[in-house]
Amino acid sequence: GMQALVSPGDRVLVLLPGSTPDSTGDLLIRSLARMDVAGHDHGLVDDPKTALQAALEVMPDCLVGFPAQIVAMARLQEHLGMHISPSSILLCSDYVPDSIIQALESAWPCTVFQHWGSTETGLGGSVECLARCGSHLRALDLLVEILDPESLTPLAHGQWGEIVVTTLGRE
């Protein structure tokens, strides 16, 4: 999924837990290295000013992190005059309202993408592509169904129900 956001030689500032081996940030940085993309671990944004300072040192082509934390950085940069210019942003781990996407794309000359995943999906579930009109599920790894919560039978397209995810290649 990151191939739509970065190219070989790019730099990514990862604003996710990454100091622990096999943490979300660590796994992403290791994956980026296989694409010849430099991943830089900052960790979660406790202080937007510190995160902006780290971004100024890295000058990332892409930011990856939580929507509220990255929008806080975007708003603070104007106030402090600390300007970075990522070309892409991947938002994950939370709901992303259109207002957040609009704020980020106004603050920076970038394209904002969304990612969905959970521990149960092996951290990856789906990611937006360049068309930005929905997310692509990892169909080779996951079976995602909408089931009737009482009968547990699959529902027709467009009906509301319970999301059930079955991993196909792992327990």
Protein backbone atom coordinates (compact mmCIF):
# COMPACT_ATOMS: atom_id res chain seq x y z
CA GLY A 1 0.00 0.00 0.00
CA MET A 2 2.87 2.43 0.57
CA GLN A 3 3.88 2.25 -3.10
CA ALA A 4 1.12 4.75 -3.93
CA LEU A 5 2.56 7.23 -1.42
CA VAL A 6 6.34 7.00 -1.77
CA SER A 7 9.09 6.20 -4.26
CA PRO A 8 12.62 4.84 -3.85
CA GLY A 9 14.83 7.43 -2.20
CA ASP A 10 11.97 9.10 -0.30
CA ARG A 11 11.91 9.73 3.45
CA VAL A 12 8.98 8.82 5.73
CA LEU A 13 8.47 10.14 9.25
CA VAL A 14 6.62 7.42 11.15
CA LEU A 15 4.54 8.86 13.99
CA LEU A 16 3.52 5.48 15.41
CA PRO A 17 4.94 3.27 18.18
CA GLY A 18 8.20 2.00 16.71
CA SER A 19 10.87 1.52 19.34
CA THR A 20 9.79 -2.03 20.19
CA PRO A 21 10.74 -4.82 17.78
CA ASP A 22 7.76 -5.85 15.63
CA SER A 23 5.72 -2.82 16.72
CA THR A 24 3.61 -1.09 14.07
CA GLY A 25 6.23 1.56 13.37
CA ASP A 26 9.09 -0.95 13.34
CA LEU A 27 7.29 -3.21 10.87
CA LEU A 28 6.51 -0.25 8.61
CA ILE A 29 10.09 1.02 8.66
CA ARG A 30 11.42 -2.45 7.82
CA SER A 31 8.93 -2.73 4.94
CA LEU A 32 9.90 0.70 3.62
CA ALA A 33 13.58 -0.30 3.61
CA ARG A 34 12.75 -3.11 1.17
CA MET A 35 11.39 -0.39 -1.15
CA ASP A 36 14.59 1.72 -0.75
CA VAL A 37 12.62 4.26 1.29
CA ALA A 38 14.13 5.66 4.50
CA GLY A 39 11.75 5.31 7.44
CA HIS A 40 12.41 7.47 10.50
CA ASP A 41 10.81 6.52 13.81
CA HIS A 42 9.51 9.39 15.92
CA GLY A 43 6.87 7.51 17.88
CA LEU A 44 3.49 8.85 18.87
CA VAL A 45 3.10 12.62 18.95
CA ASP A 46 3.04 13.61 22.61
CA ASP A 47 4.14 17.15 21.76
CA PRO A 48 3.41 18.55 18.28
CA LYS A 49 6.32 21.01 18.52
CA THR A 50 8.81 18.20 19.16
CA ALA A 51 7.32 16.23 16.28
CA LEU A 52 7.64 19.27 13.99
CA GLN A 53 11.27 19.67 15.02
CA ALA A 54 11.88 16.03 14.14
CA ALA A 55 10.15 16.58 10.81
CA LEU A 56 12.37 19.58 10.09
CA GLU A 57 15.43 17.37 10.64
CA VAL A 58 14.11 14.58 8.39
CA MET A 59 12.24 16.75 5.82
CA PRO A 60 9.91 13.82 5.08
CA ASP A 61 8.24 13.20 1.76
CA CYS A 62 5.52 11.35 3.68
CA LEU A 63 4.05 11.37 7.19
CA VAL A 64 2.32 8.35 8.71
CA GLY A 65 0.30 8.67 11.89
CA PHE A 66 -2.90 9.40 13.76
CA PRO A 67 -5.20 12.05 12.22
CA ALA A 68 -5.54 14.30 15.29
CA GLN A 69 -1.81 14.27 15.96
CA ILE A 70 -0.83 15.17 12.40
CA VAL A 71 -3.44 17.92 12.11
CA ALA A 72 -2.10 19.37 15.38
CA MET A 73 1.34 19.53 13.75
CA ALA A 74 -0.12 21.23 10.66
CA ARG A 75 -1.88 23.87 12.74
CA LEU A 76 1.14 24.51 14.94
CA GLN A 77 3.58 24.90 12.04
CA GLU A 78 1.82 28.08 10.87
CA HIS A 79 1.94 29.54 14.37
CA LEU A 80 5.64 28.72 14.86
CA GLY A 81 6.81 29.30 11.30
CA MET A 82 8.24 25.75 11.14
CA HIS A 83 7.37 24.62 7.63
CA ILE A 84 7.67 21.15 6.17
CA SER A 85 6.20 20.00 2.86
CA PRO A 86 5.30 16.33 2.70
CA SER A 87 3.86 15.22 -0.63
CA SER A 88 1.74 12.49 0.96
CA ILE A 89 0.24 11.58 4.32
CA LEU A 90 -1.12 8.22 5.48
CA LEU A 91 -3.65 8.52 8.31
CA CYS A 92 -4.38 5.45 10.39
CA SER A 93 -5.74 4.18 13.69
CA ASP A 94 -8.76 6.45 13.85
CA TYR A 95 -11.76 7.77 11.94
CA VAL A 96 -10.82 10.50 9.46
CA PRO A 97 -13.45 13.17 8.81
CA ASP A 98 -13.27 15.15 5.56
CA SER A 99 -12.41 18.29 7.56
CA ILE A 100 -9.11 16.70 8.66
CA ILE A 101 -8.21 15.78 5.08
CA GLN A 102 -9.07 19.29 3.87
CA ALA A 103 -7.05 20.91 6.68
CA LEU A 104 -3.97 18.81 5.90
CA GLU A 105 -4.19 19.30 2.14
CA SER A 106 -4.55 23.06 2.73
CA ALA A 107 -1.59 23.22 5.11
CA TRP A 108 0.74 21.18 2.93
CA PRO A 109 1.00 20.47 -0.81
CA CYS A 110 0.08 16.83 -0.23
CA THR A 111 -2.35 14.04 -0.92
CA VAL A 112 -3.91 12.41 2.13
CA PHE A 113 -4.63 8.68 2.14
CA GLN A 114 -6.46 6.55 4.71
CA HIS A 115 -5.54 3.14 6.10
CA TRP A 116 -7.66 0.68 8.03
CA GLY A 117 -6.33 -2.21 10.04
CA SER A 118 -6.33 -3.84 13.44
CA THR A 119 -4.41 -6.37 15.46
CA GLU A 120 -6.89 -8.98 14.24
CA THR A 121 -6.12 -8.19 10.57
CA GLY A 122 -2.36 -8.39 11.08
CA LEU A 123 -2.27 -4.56 11.28
CA GLY A 124 -3.11 -4.18 7.59
CA GLY A 125 -6.66 -4.33 6.36
CA SER A 126 -7.13 -1.87 3.54
CA VAL A 127 -5.58 1.27 2.10
CA GLU A 128 -6.66 3.95 -0.34
CA CYS A 129 -5.03 4.11 -3.76
CA LEU A 130 -4.35 7.13 -5.95
CA ALA A 131 -8.00 7.22 -7.10
CA ARG A 132 -9.04 7.98 -3.48
CA CYS A 133 -12.58 6.69 -3.90
CA GLY A 134 -12.49 3.87 -1.36
CA SER A 135 -10.02 1.43 0.10
CA HIS A 136 -8.61 -1.78 -1.30
CA LEU A 137 -8.94 -4.75 1.05
CA ARG A 138 -6.09 -7.23 1.35
CA ALA A 139 -8.29 -9.80 -0.37
CA LEU A 140 -5.60 -12.50 -0.49
CA ASP A 141 -5.14 -12.29 3.27
CA LEU A 142 -8.59 -11.44 4.60
CA LEU A 143 -12.19 -12.48 4.12
CA VAL A 144 -14.41 -9.58 5.20
CA GLU A 145 -18.14 -10.26 5.51
CA ILE A 146 -21.16 -8.36 6.74
CA LEU A 147 -23.28 -10.78 8.76
CA ASP A 148 -26.66 -10.63 10.43
CA PRO A 149 -25.67 -10.39 14.13
CA GLU A 150 -28.38 -12.83 15.21
CA SER A 151 -28.33 -15.52 12.53
CA LEU A 152 -24.68 -15.03 11.50
CA THR A 153 -25.70 -15.36 7.84
CA PRO A 154 -24.13 -13.12 5.19
CA LEU A 155 -26.15 -10.05 4.23
CA ALA A 156 -26.67 -8.63 0.74
CA HIS A 157 -24.58 -5.72 -0.52
CA GLY A 158 -25.62 -2.45 1.12
CA GLN A 159 -27.28 -3.97 4.19
CA TRP A 160 -26.17 -3.10 7.69
CA GLY A 161 -24.77 -5.82 9.92
CA GLU A 162 -21.76 -6.96 11.88
CA ILE A 163 -18.33 -6.86 10.25
CA VAL A 164 -16.61 -10.24 10.53
CA VAL A 165 -12.99 -10.59 9.46
CA THR A 166 -11.42 -13.99 8.86
CA THR A 167 -7.68 -14.18 8.34
CA LEU A 168 -6.77 -16.62 5.59
CA GLY A 169 -3.06 -17.07 6.16
CA ARG A 170 -2.57 -16.75 9.90
CA GLU A 171 -4.14 -17.68 13.20
